[in-house]
Amino acid sequence: MANLMNVNQMAMGPGADNQEGSVKRTYFKHVGELADESKAKVVVVFRVVPGEPNNCLVVGTKFLSDLYHEGLMKAVESEGGQASEELGTFLARQTFADGTNMLAVLNNDNYIKKFKTKDIVMTYGPTDEGRITLNKLNEMIAKEKGVKVSDLAVEDDSPKTEAPAKKSKKTDAKETTAKE
C-alpha cells in the first residue's frame, strides 16, 4: 500500500517547507527586488554603471513579454548565468528563442533601467538574513577584491569602430546620358 501524506498541513504553519513532499525553493544570483513598497522583481544586468558607482542597470521582469521573460529567466538560472560575475556580459552572448541577442533587445527596447544601488534589494534567501541592498553587496565585493566600488564596473573593451561614412553621390539628371 502506498504511503499517504497529510496534505492539509503541508501548506500551513511554520516549517511547512520542511515537510515531506514540499518543494525546496532555489535562490539565484542577479535576482532582486525594488526596495520600495511595490517589491517589484528585477534582474540586475550590471551591478555598477561605469563612472556612476552608486547606480546599477536592471530589468523589471513584469514588463517583458512571455517569450522574453522565459528566455531571460532561463539565462539567469543557467550554469553560465550563475557563474558570471556580471549578468550583462553573459547576456551579450545569449539569444532569445526568436534568435535576437538578449542584451541588445533589452537595451534597444528600453527594458534596461538605471536605479540607485540603495534602491535594489538582492534576494538570496527567504528571511531577512537572505536580503541585502545592492550598495552593501557591492561594498562587500569591492572590499573582498581590494578595490573601490567604482572599479567593479564593466568597461566596454570592444574596439572602437566608427561607422563608415556614407558616400552617396547624387547625379544630376541633366548630366546622365542614355545607354545605347
N, C-alpha and C. Protein backbone atom coordinates (compact mmCIF):
# COMPACT_ATOMS: atom_id res chain seq x y z
N MET A 1 0.85 -1.17 0.00
CA MET A 1 0.00 0.00 0.00
C MET A 1 0.90 1.24 0.00
N ALA A 2 0.50 2.26 -0.76
CA ALA A 2 1.29 3.48 -0.90
C ALA A 2 1.25 4.30 0.39
N ASN A 3 2.36 5.00 0.66
CA ASN A 3 2.39 5.90 1.82
C ASN A 3 1.55 7.12 1.51
N LEU A 4 0.68 7.47 2.40
CA LEU A 4 -0.14 8.66 2.24
C LEU A 4 0.40 9.75 3.13
N MET A 5 0.32 11.00 2.65
CA MET A 5 0.74 12.11 3.48
C MET A 5 -0.43 13.06 3.67
N ASN A 6 -0.44 13.74 4.79
CA ASN A 6 -1.50 14.67 5.11
C ASN A 6 -1.23 15.99 4.39
N VAL A 7 -1.91 16.22 3.27
CA VAL A 7 -1.69 17.43 2.50
C VAL A 7 -2.34 18.64 3.14
N ASN A 8 -3.24 18.45 4.07
CA ASN A 8 -3.91 19.58 4.72
C ASN A 8 -2.95 20.40 5.58
N GLN A 9 -1.92 19.78 6.11
CA GLN A 9 -0.98 20.50 6.95
C GLN A 9 0.24 21.00 6.17
N MET A 10 0.39 20.58 4.93
CA MET A 10 1.60 20.94 4.18
C MET A 10 1.69 22.42 3.87
N ALA A 11 0.59 23.05 3.54
CA ALA A 11 0.64 24.45 3.14
C ALA A 11 0.45 25.40 4.31
N MET A 12 0.36 24.87 5.50
CA MET A 12 0.07 25.71 6.65
C MET A 12 1.16 25.63 7.71
N GLY A 13 1.25 26.68 8.46
CA GLY A 13 2.10 26.67 9.64
C GLY A 13 3.57 26.83 9.35
N PRO A 14 4.32 27.19 10.39
CA PRO A 14 5.76 27.33 10.24
C PRO A 14 6.39 25.97 9.98
N GLY A 15 7.39 25.97 9.18
CA GLY A 15 8.09 24.72 8.89
C GLY A 15 7.41 23.89 7.82
N ALA A 16 6.39 24.43 7.17
CA ALA A 16 5.70 23.67 6.13
C ALA A 16 6.65 23.35 4.98
N ASP A 17 7.66 24.21 4.78
CA ASP A 17 8.61 23.97 3.70
C ASP A 17 9.57 22.83 4.01
N ASN A 18 9.61 22.36 5.22
CA ASN A 18 10.50 21.26 5.60
C ASN A 18 9.79 19.92 5.63
N GLN A 19 8.49 19.90 5.31
CA GLN A 19 7.73 18.66 5.38
C GLN A 19 7.95 17.80 4.15
N GLU A 20 7.63 16.56 4.28
CA GLU A 20 7.73 15.63 3.17
C GLU A 20 6.85 16.10 2.02
N GLY A 21 7.38 16.09 0.83
CA GLY A 21 6.61 16.49 -0.34
C GLY A 21 6.71 17.97 -0.67
N SER A 22 7.35 18.75 0.20
CA SER A 22 7.46 20.17 -0.09
C SER A 22 8.58 20.40 -1.11
N VAL A 23 8.45 21.47 -1.85
CA VAL A 23 9.43 21.81 -2.88
C VAL A 23 10.41 22.82 -2.31
N LYS A 24 11.68 22.53 -2.44
CA LYS A 24 12.73 23.43 -1.95
C LYS A 24 12.88 24.58 -2.93
N ARG A 25 12.75 25.80 -2.45
CA ARG A 25 12.88 26.97 -3.32
C ARG A 25 14.36 27.27 -3.53
N THR A 26 14.70 27.56 -4.77
CA THR A 26 16.07 27.86 -5.12
C THR A 26 16.22 29.37 -5.32
N TYR A 27 17.31 29.94 -4.83
CA TYR A 27 17.58 31.35 -5.00
C TYR A 27 18.75 31.52 -5.93
N PHE A 28 18.65 32.53 -6.80
CA PHE A 28 19.65 32.72 -7.83
C PHE A 28 20.33 34.07 -7.70
N LYS A 29 21.59 34.11 -8.15
CA LYS A 29 22.32 35.36 -8.26
C LYS A 29 21.61 36.25 -9.28
N HIS A 30 21.85 37.52 -9.20
CA HIS A 30 21.36 38.53 -10.15
C HIS A 30 19.87 38.83 -10.01
N VAL A 31 19.19 38.23 -9.05
CA VAL A 31 17.76 38.45 -8.89
C VAL A 31 17.52 39.27 -7.62
N GLY A 32 16.66 40.26 -7.73
CA GLY A 32 16.36 41.10 -6.59
C GLY A 32 14.98 41.71 -6.72
N GLU A 33 14.78 42.76 -5.94
CA GLU A 33 13.50 43.46 -5.97
C GLU A 33 13.74 44.91 -5.61
N LEU A 34 12.76 45.74 -5.95
CA LEU A 34 12.86 47.14 -5.58
C LEU A 34 12.68 47.27 -4.07
N ALA A 35 13.38 48.23 -3.48
CA ALA A 35 13.33 48.42 -2.04
C ALA A 35 12.07 49.16 -1.60
N ASP A 36 11.28 49.65 -2.55
CA ASP A 36 10.05 50.38 -2.17
C ASP A 36 8.93 49.42 -1.81
N GLU A 37 7.74 49.96 -1.58
CA GLU A 37 6.62 49.12 -1.15
C GLU A 37 6.13 48.17 -2.24
N SER A 38 6.47 48.43 -3.50
CA SER A 38 6.00 47.55 -4.58
C SER A 38 6.71 46.20 -4.57
N LYS A 39 7.97 46.17 -4.13
CA LYS A 39 8.77 44.95 -4.10
C LYS A 39 8.80 44.27 -5.47
N ALA A 40 8.74 45.09 -6.53
CA ALA A 40 8.73 44.55 -7.89
C ALA A 40 10.01 43.78 -8.16
N LYS A 41 9.89 42.63 -8.79
CA LYS A 41 11.04 41.77 -9.07
C LYS A 41 11.87 42.36 -10.21
N VAL A 42 13.19 42.29 -10.04
CA VAL A 42 14.11 42.78 -11.06
C VAL A 42 15.25 41.79 -11.25
N VAL A 43 15.86 41.87 -12.42
CA VAL A 43 17.09 41.14 -12.70
C VAL A 43 18.17 42.20 -12.87
N VAL A 44 19.25 42.07 -12.12
CA VAL A 44 20.33 43.05 -12.18
C VAL A 44 21.27 42.67 -13.32
N VAL A 45 21.31 43.51 -14.34
CA VAL A 45 22.14 43.25 -15.52
C VAL A 45 23.58 43.66 -15.24
N PHE A 46 23.78 44.86 -14.69
CA PHE A 46 25.10 45.33 -14.28
C PHE A 46 24.97 45.95 -12.89
N ARG A 47 25.79 45.48 -11.94
CA ARG A 47 25.72 45.95 -10.56
C ARG A 47 26.23 47.37 -10.40
N VAL A 48 27.14 47.80 -11.28
CA VAL A 48 27.72 49.14 -11.20
C VAL A 48 27.78 49.72 -12.60
N VAL A 49 27.37 50.98 -12.74
CA VAL A 49 27.46 51.69 -14.01
C VAL A 49 28.83 52.37 -14.06
N PRO A 50 29.56 52.25 -15.18
CA PRO A 50 30.86 52.91 -15.28
C PRO A 50 30.75 54.42 -15.02
N GLY A 51 31.57 54.90 -14.11
CA GLY A 51 31.57 56.32 -13.75
C GLY A 51 30.47 56.71 -12.78
N GLU A 52 29.59 55.77 -12.45
CA GLU A 52 28.49 56.04 -11.53
C GLU A 52 28.38 54.88 -10.53
N PRO A 53 29.27 54.82 -9.54
CA PRO A 53 29.33 53.66 -8.64
C PRO A 53 28.09 53.46 -7.77
N ASN A 54 27.22 54.47 -7.70
CA ASN A 54 26.00 54.33 -6.89
C ASN A 54 24.78 53.97 -7.72
N ASN A 55 25.00 53.63 -8.99
CA ASN A 55 23.91 53.26 -9.88
C ASN A 55 24.13 51.86 -10.44
N CYS A 56 23.01 51.22 -10.82
CA CYS A 56 23.06 49.90 -11.44
C CYS A 56 22.06 49.86 -12.58
N LEU A 57 22.13 48.83 -13.40
CA LEU A 57 21.20 48.65 -14.50
C LEU A 57 20.39 47.38 -14.27
N VAL A 58 19.07 47.51 -14.30
CA VAL A 58 18.18 46.38 -14.01
C VAL A 58 17.10 46.27 -15.07
N VAL A 59 16.47 45.09 -15.10
CA VAL A 59 15.31 44.84 -15.95
C VAL A 59 14.15 44.46 -15.05
N GLY A 60 13.04 45.17 -15.17
CA GLY A 60 11.82 44.80 -14.45
C GLY A 60 11.15 43.67 -15.20
N THR A 61 11.15 42.49 -14.63
CA THR A 61 10.70 41.31 -15.35
C THR A 61 9.21 41.34 -15.71
N LYS A 62 8.40 42.06 -14.95
CA LYS A 62 6.97 42.07 -15.23
C LYS A 62 6.63 42.82 -16.51
N PHE A 63 7.56 43.59 -17.04
CA PHE A 63 7.31 44.36 -18.26
C PHE A 63 7.67 43.58 -19.52
N LEU A 64 8.30 42.43 -19.36
CA LEU A 64 8.72 41.64 -20.51
C LEU A 64 7.57 40.79 -21.05
N SER A 65 7.60 40.54 -22.36
CA SER A 65 6.64 39.61 -22.94
C SER A 65 6.97 38.21 -22.41
N ASP A 66 6.05 37.29 -22.54
CA ASP A 66 6.28 35.93 -22.05
C ASP A 66 7.52 35.31 -22.69
N LEU A 67 7.71 35.53 -23.98
CA LEU A 67 8.86 34.97 -24.70
C LEU A 67 10.16 35.49 -24.10
N TYR A 68 10.25 36.81 -23.90
CA TYR A 68 11.47 37.40 -23.37
C TYR A 68 11.65 37.08 -21.88
N HIS A 69 10.57 37.07 -21.12
CA HIS A 69 10.67 36.74 -19.69
C HIS A 69 11.20 35.32 -19.51
N GLU A 70 10.62 34.38 -20.24
CA GLU A 70 11.06 32.99 -20.12
C GLU A 70 12.52 32.83 -20.54
N GLY A 71 12.91 33.47 -21.63
CA GLY A 71 14.30 33.38 -22.10
C GLY A 71 15.28 34.00 -21.12
N LEU A 72 14.92 35.18 -20.57
CA LEU A 72 15.79 35.85 -19.62
C LEU A 72 15.96 35.02 -18.35
N MET A 73 14.87 34.48 -17.84
CA MET A 73 14.95 33.70 -16.60
C MET A 73 15.73 32.40 -16.82
N LYS A 74 15.60 31.79 -18.00
CA LYS A 74 16.40 30.59 -18.29
C LYS A 74 17.88 30.95 -18.30
N ALA A 75 18.21 32.12 -18.86
CA ALA A 75 19.61 32.56 -18.89
C ALA A 75 20.12 32.83 -17.48
N VAL A 76 19.31 33.49 -16.66
CA VAL A 76 19.70 33.80 -15.28
C VAL A 76 19.95 32.51 -14.51
N GLU A 77 19.05 31.53 -14.67
CA GLU A 77 19.12 30.30 -13.91
C GLU A 77 20.14 29.30 -14.47
N SER A 78 20.64 29.56 -15.66
CA SER A 78 21.57 28.62 -16.29
C SER A 78 22.91 28.61 -15.55
N GLU A 79 23.69 27.58 -15.82
CA GLU A 79 25.01 27.46 -15.20
C GLU A 79 25.89 28.65 -15.57
N GLY A 80 25.85 29.06 -16.83
CA GLY A 80 26.65 30.19 -17.28
C GLY A 80 26.20 31.50 -16.64
N GLY A 81 24.89 31.67 -16.50
CA GLY A 81 24.37 32.88 -15.87
C GLY A 81 24.77 32.97 -14.42
N GLN A 82 24.72 31.86 -13.71
CA GLN A 82 25.09 31.84 -12.31
C GLN A 82 26.61 31.97 -12.12
N ALA A 83 27.37 31.52 -13.09
CA ALA A 83 28.83 31.60 -12.99
C ALA A 83 29.36 32.99 -13.34
N SER A 84 28.56 33.79 -14.05
CA SER A 84 29.03 35.11 -14.47
C SER A 84 28.99 36.10 -13.31
N GLU A 85 30.02 36.91 -13.25
CA GLU A 85 30.09 37.92 -12.21
C GLU A 85 29.09 39.04 -12.48
N GLU A 86 28.99 39.43 -13.74
CA GLU A 86 28.00 40.42 -14.18
C GLU A 86 27.13 39.75 -15.22
N LEU A 87 25.82 39.73 -15.00
CA LEU A 87 24.91 39.05 -15.90
C LEU A 87 24.95 39.64 -17.30
N GLY A 88 25.16 40.93 -17.42
CA GLY A 88 25.17 41.59 -18.72
C GLY A 88 26.20 41.03 -19.67
N THR A 89 27.37 40.66 -19.16
CA THR A 89 28.40 40.10 -20.03
C THR A 89 27.97 38.74 -20.56
N PHE A 90 27.22 38.00 -19.77
CA PHE A 90 26.69 36.70 -20.20
C PHE A 90 25.56 36.90 -21.20
N LEU A 91 24.66 37.84 -20.92
CA LEU A 91 23.52 38.09 -21.81
C LEU A 91 23.96 38.56 -23.19
N ALA A 92 25.12 39.21 -23.26
CA ALA A 92 25.63 39.68 -24.56
C ALA A 92 25.94 38.51 -25.49
N ARG A 93 26.10 37.32 -24.93
CA ARG A 93 26.43 36.13 -25.73
C ARG A 93 25.24 35.19 -25.89
N GLN A 94 24.06 35.61 -25.41
CA GLN A 94 22.88 34.74 -25.44
C GLN A 94 21.83 35.29 -26.40
N THR A 95 20.95 34.40 -26.87
CA THR A 95 19.86 34.83 -27.74
C THR A 95 18.52 34.36 -27.18
N PHE A 96 17.50 35.13 -27.50
CA PHE A 96 16.14 34.73 -27.17
C PHE A 96 15.70 33.66 -28.16
N ALA A 97 14.55 33.06 -27.92
CA ALA A 97 14.04 31.99 -28.79
C ALA A 97 13.81 32.47 -30.22
N ASP A 98 13.59 33.77 -30.41
CA ASP A 98 13.38 34.30 -31.76
C ASP A 98 14.70 34.61 -32.47
N GLY A 99 15.84 34.30 -31.82
CA GLY A 99 17.15 34.47 -32.44
C GLY A 99 17.80 35.82 -32.20
N THR A 100 17.14 36.73 -31.49
CA THR A 100 17.71 38.05 -31.24
C THR A 100 18.63 38.01 -30.03
N ASN A 101 19.65 38.87 -30.05
CA ASN A 101 20.60 38.95 -28.94
C ASN A 101 19.91 39.52 -27.71
N MET A 102 20.07 38.85 -26.57
CA MET A 102 19.36 39.25 -25.34
C MET A 102 19.70 40.66 -24.89
N LEU A 103 20.98 40.95 -24.74
CA LEU A 103 21.37 42.25 -24.22
C LEU A 103 20.96 43.36 -25.18
N ALA A 104 21.12 43.12 -26.47
CA ALA A 104 20.76 44.13 -27.46
C ALA A 104 19.26 44.43 -27.43
N VAL A 105 18.43 43.40 -27.35
CA VAL A 105 16.97 43.61 -27.31
C VAL A 105 16.58 44.35 -26.04
N LEU A 106 17.11 43.91 -24.90
CA LEU A 106 16.75 44.55 -23.64
C LEU A 106 17.16 46.03 -23.64
N ASN A 107 18.29 46.33 -24.24
CA ASN A 107 18.75 47.71 -24.32
C ASN A 107 17.96 48.50 -25.36
N ASN A 108 17.87 48.00 -26.56
CA ASN A 108 17.21 48.73 -27.66
C ASN A 108 15.73 48.95 -27.41
N ASP A 109 15.08 48.02 -26.74
CA ASP A 109 13.64 48.15 -26.46
C ASP A 109 13.38 48.83 -25.11
N ASN A 110 14.42 49.42 -24.53
CA ASN A 110 14.33 50.21 -23.29
C ASN A 110 13.80 49.44 -22.08
N TYR A 111 14.14 48.16 -21.99
CA TYR A 111 13.78 47.39 -20.80
C TYR A 111 14.80 47.59 -19.68
N ILE A 112 16.01 47.98 -20.03
CA ILE A 112 17.06 48.19 -19.02
C ILE A 112 16.90 49.59 -18.44
N LYS A 113 16.80 49.65 -17.12
CA LYS A 113 16.61 50.93 -16.43
C LYS A 113 17.70 51.14 -15.39
N LYS A 114 18.05 52.40 -15.19
CA LYS A 114 19.07 52.75 -14.20
C LYS A 114 18.40 53.04 -12.86
N PHE A 115 18.93 52.44 -11.81
CA PHE A 115 18.44 52.66 -10.45
C PHE A 115 19.62 52.92 -9.53
N LYS A 116 19.35 53.58 -8.42
CA LYS A 116 20.34 53.71 -7.36
C LYS A 116 20.54 52.33 -6.74
N THR A 117 21.77 51.98 -6.43
CA THR A 117 22.04 50.66 -5.85
C THR A 117 21.37 50.51 -4.49
N LYS A 118 21.15 51.61 -3.78
CA LYS A 118 20.49 51.52 -2.47
C LYS A 118 19.00 51.19 -2.61
N ASP A 119 18.45 51.33 -3.82
CA ASP A 119 17.03 51.08 -4.06
C ASP A 119 16.74 49.66 -4.55
N ILE A 120 17.78 48.83 -4.62
CA ILE A 120 17.64 47.44 -5.07
C ILE A 120 18.03 46.52 -3.93
N VAL A 121 17.18 45.55 -3.63
CA VAL A 121 17.47 44.56 -2.60
C VAL A 121 17.71 43.22 -3.30
N MET A 122 18.88 42.66 -3.08
CA MET A 122 19.20 41.36 -3.64
C MET A 122 18.61 40.29 -2.72
N THR A 123 17.98 39.30 -3.31
CA THR A 123 17.33 38.25 -2.52
C THR A 123 18.03 36.92 -2.75
N TYR A 124 18.56 36.36 -1.69
CA TYR A 124 19.21 35.05 -1.80
C TYR A 124 18.79 34.14 -0.66
N GLY A 125 17.62 34.39 -0.11
CA GLY A 125 17.08 33.56 0.95
C GLY A 125 15.72 34.06 1.37
N PRO A 126 14.96 33.23 2.08
CA PRO A 126 13.59 33.60 2.44
C PRO A 126 13.46 34.54 3.63
N THR A 127 14.51 34.69 4.41
CA THR A 127 14.43 35.53 5.61
C THR A 127 15.17 36.84 5.39
N ASP A 128 15.12 37.71 6.40
CA ASP A 128 15.83 38.98 6.31
C ASP A 128 17.34 38.79 6.19
N GLU A 129 17.85 37.67 6.71
CA GLU A 129 19.28 37.39 6.57
C GLU A 129 19.64 37.10 5.12
N GLY A 130 18.66 36.74 4.31
CA GLY A 130 18.88 36.43 2.91
C GLY A 130 18.58 37.60 1.99
N ARG A 131 18.64 38.81 2.54
CA ARG A 131 18.37 40.01 1.76
C ARG A 131 19.44 41.05 2.08
N ILE A 132 19.92 41.71 1.04
CA ILE A 132 20.92 42.76 1.24
C ILE A 132 20.76 43.79 0.13
N THR A 133 20.91 45.06 0.49
CA THR A 133 20.82 46.09 -0.55
C THR A 133 22.04 45.97 -1.45
N LEU A 134 21.85 46.33 -2.70
CA LEU A 134 22.92 46.16 -3.69
C LEU A 134 24.13 47.03 -3.36
N ASN A 135 23.91 48.21 -2.80
CA ASN A 135 25.08 49.04 -2.46
C ASN A 135 25.95 48.37 -1.40
N LYS A 136 25.31 47.70 -0.42
CA LYS A 136 26.08 46.98 0.61
C LYS A 136 26.80 45.78 0.00
N LEU A 137 26.11 45.06 -0.88
CA LEU A 137 26.73 43.92 -1.56
C LEU A 137 27.94 44.36 -2.38
N ASN A 138 27.79 45.46 -3.12
CA ASN A 138 28.90 45.99 -3.91
C ASN A 138 30.08 46.36 -3.02
N GLU A 139 29.79 46.97 -1.87
CA GLU A 139 30.86 47.33 -0.93
C GLU A 139 31.58 46.09 -0.43
N MET A 140 30.83 45.03 -0.12
CA MET A 140 31.43 43.78 0.35
C MET A 140 32.31 43.15 -0.73
N ILE A 141 31.82 43.14 -1.96
CA ILE A 141 32.58 42.55 -3.07
C ILE A 141 33.85 43.36 -3.32
N ALA A 142 33.72 44.69 -3.32
CA ALA A 142 34.88 45.55 -3.54
C ALA A 142 35.93 45.34 -2.44
N LYS A 143 35.48 45.26 -1.20
CA LYS A 143 36.40 45.04 -0.07
C LYS A 143 37.11 43.70 -0.22
N GLU A 144 36.35 42.66 -0.59
CA GLU A 144 36.92 41.33 -0.77
C GLU A 144 37.97 41.31 -1.89
N LYS A 145 37.74 42.09 -2.94
CA LYS A 145 38.68 42.15 -4.07
C LYS A 145 39.79 43.17 -3.84
N GLY A 146 39.64 44.00 -2.81
CA GLY A 146 40.65 45.02 -2.54
C GLY A 146 40.62 46.18 -3.52
N VAL A 147 39.41 46.53 -4.01
CA VAL A 147 39.26 47.63 -4.96
C VAL A 147 38.15 48.56 -4.49
N LYS A 148 37.99 49.68 -5.20
CA LYS A 148 36.87 50.59 -4.92
C LYS A 148 35.64 50.07 -5.65
N VAL A 149 34.46 50.47 -5.18
CA VAL A 149 33.21 50.06 -5.83
C VAL A 149 33.20 50.50 -7.29
N SER A 150 33.73 51.68 -7.57
CA SER A 150 33.75 52.16 -8.96
C SER A 150 34.57 51.26 -9.87
N ASP A 151 35.53 50.53 -9.30
CA ASP A 151 36.35 49.62 -10.10
C ASP A 151 35.62 48.33 -10.46
N LEU A 152 34.45 48.10 -9.88
CA LEU A 152 33.67 46.91 -10.19
C LEU A 152 32.93 47.04 -11.51
N ALA A 153 32.80 48.25 -12.03
CA ALA A 153 32.06 48.48 -13.27
C ALA A 153 32.74 47.78 -14.44
N VAL A 154 31.93 47.21 -15.31
CA VAL A 154 32.44 46.55 -16.50
C VAL A 154 32.65 47.63 -17.55
N GLU A 155 33.87 47.72 -18.03
CA GLU A 155 34.20 48.70 -19.07
C GLU A 155 34.04 48.04 -20.43
N ASP A 156 33.62 48.82 -21.40
CA ASP A 156 33.48 48.32 -22.77
C ASP A 156 34.87 48.20 -23.37
N ASP A 157 35.32 46.97 -23.55
CA ASP A 157 36.67 46.76 -24.09
C ASP A 157 36.65 46.39 -25.56
N SER A 158 35.49 46.52 -26.20
CA SER A 158 35.43 46.22 -27.63
C SER A 158 36.11 47.35 -28.39
N PRO A 159 36.74 47.02 -29.50
CA PRO A 159 37.45 48.05 -30.26
C PRO A 159 36.47 49.09 -30.78
N LYS A 160 36.87 50.33 -30.66
CA LYS A 160 36.02 51.43 -31.13
C LYS A 160 36.11 51.50 -32.65
N THR A 161 35.00 51.32 -33.28
CA THR A 161 34.96 51.42 -34.74
C THR A 161 33.89 52.42 -35.12
N GLU A 162 34.24 53.28 -36.03
CA GLU A 162 33.27 54.26 -36.48
C GLU A 162 32.58 53.71 -37.70
N ALA A 163 31.32 54.03 -37.81
CA ALA A 163 30.58 53.58 -38.98
C ALA A 163 31.14 54.29 -40.20
N PRO A 164 31.32 53.55 -41.28
CA PRO A 164 31.86 54.20 -42.48
C PRO A 164 30.91 55.28 -42.97
N ALA A 165 31.50 56.39 -43.38
CA ALA A 165 30.69 57.50 -43.88
C ALA A 165 30.02 57.08 -45.17
N LYS A 166 28.76 57.39 -45.26
CA LYS A 166 28.03 57.03 -46.47
C LYS A 166 28.37 58.02 -47.56
N LYS A 167 28.80 57.49 -48.66
CA LYS A 167 29.15 58.33 -49.80
C LYS A 167 28.09 58.11 -50.88
N SER A 168 27.06 58.87 -50.78
CA SER A 168 26.03 58.73 -51.80
C SER A 168 26.17 59.88 -52.78
N LYS A 169 26.62 59.53 -53.95
CA LYS A 169 26.84 60.53 -54.97
C LYS A 169 25.55 60.67 -55.77
N LYS A 170 24.99 61.82 -55.69
CA LYS A 170 23.78 62.07 -56.44
C LYS A 170 24.17 62.62 -57.80
N THR A 171 23.58 62.04 -58.77
CA THR A 171 23.88 62.52 -60.13
C THR A 171 22.77 63.45 -60.58
N ASP A 172 23.17 64.38 -61.34
CA ASP A 172 22.21 65.33 -61.89
C ASP A 172 21.58 64.70 -63.13
N ALA A 173 20.31 64.75 -63.22
CA ALA A 173 19.61 64.12 -64.33
C ALA A 173 20.05 64.69 -65.67
N LYS A 174 20.46 65.94 -65.70
CA LYS A 174 20.89 66.57 -66.95
C LYS A 174 22.22 66.00 -67.42
N GLU A 175 23.05 65.53 -66.48
CA GLU A 175 24.38 65.06 -66.84
C GLU A 175 24.40 63.61 -67.25
N THR A 176 23.38 62.86 -66.95
CA THR A 176 23.39 61.44 -67.29
C THR A 176 23.05 61.25 -68.76
N THR A 177 23.64 60.27 -69.31
CA THR A 177 23.38 60.00 -70.73
C THR A 177 22.67 58.67 -70.84
N ALA A 178 21.89 58.56 -71.82
CA ALA A 178 21.14 57.33 -72.05
C ALA A 178 22.09 56.26 -72.57
N LYS A 179 21.87 55.04 -72.11
CA LYS A 179 22.69 53.93 -72.57
C LYS A 179 22.20 53.48 -73.93
N GLU A 180 23.16 53.17 -74.79
CA GLU A 180 22.79 52.75 -76.14
C GLU A 180 22.61 51.28 -76.23
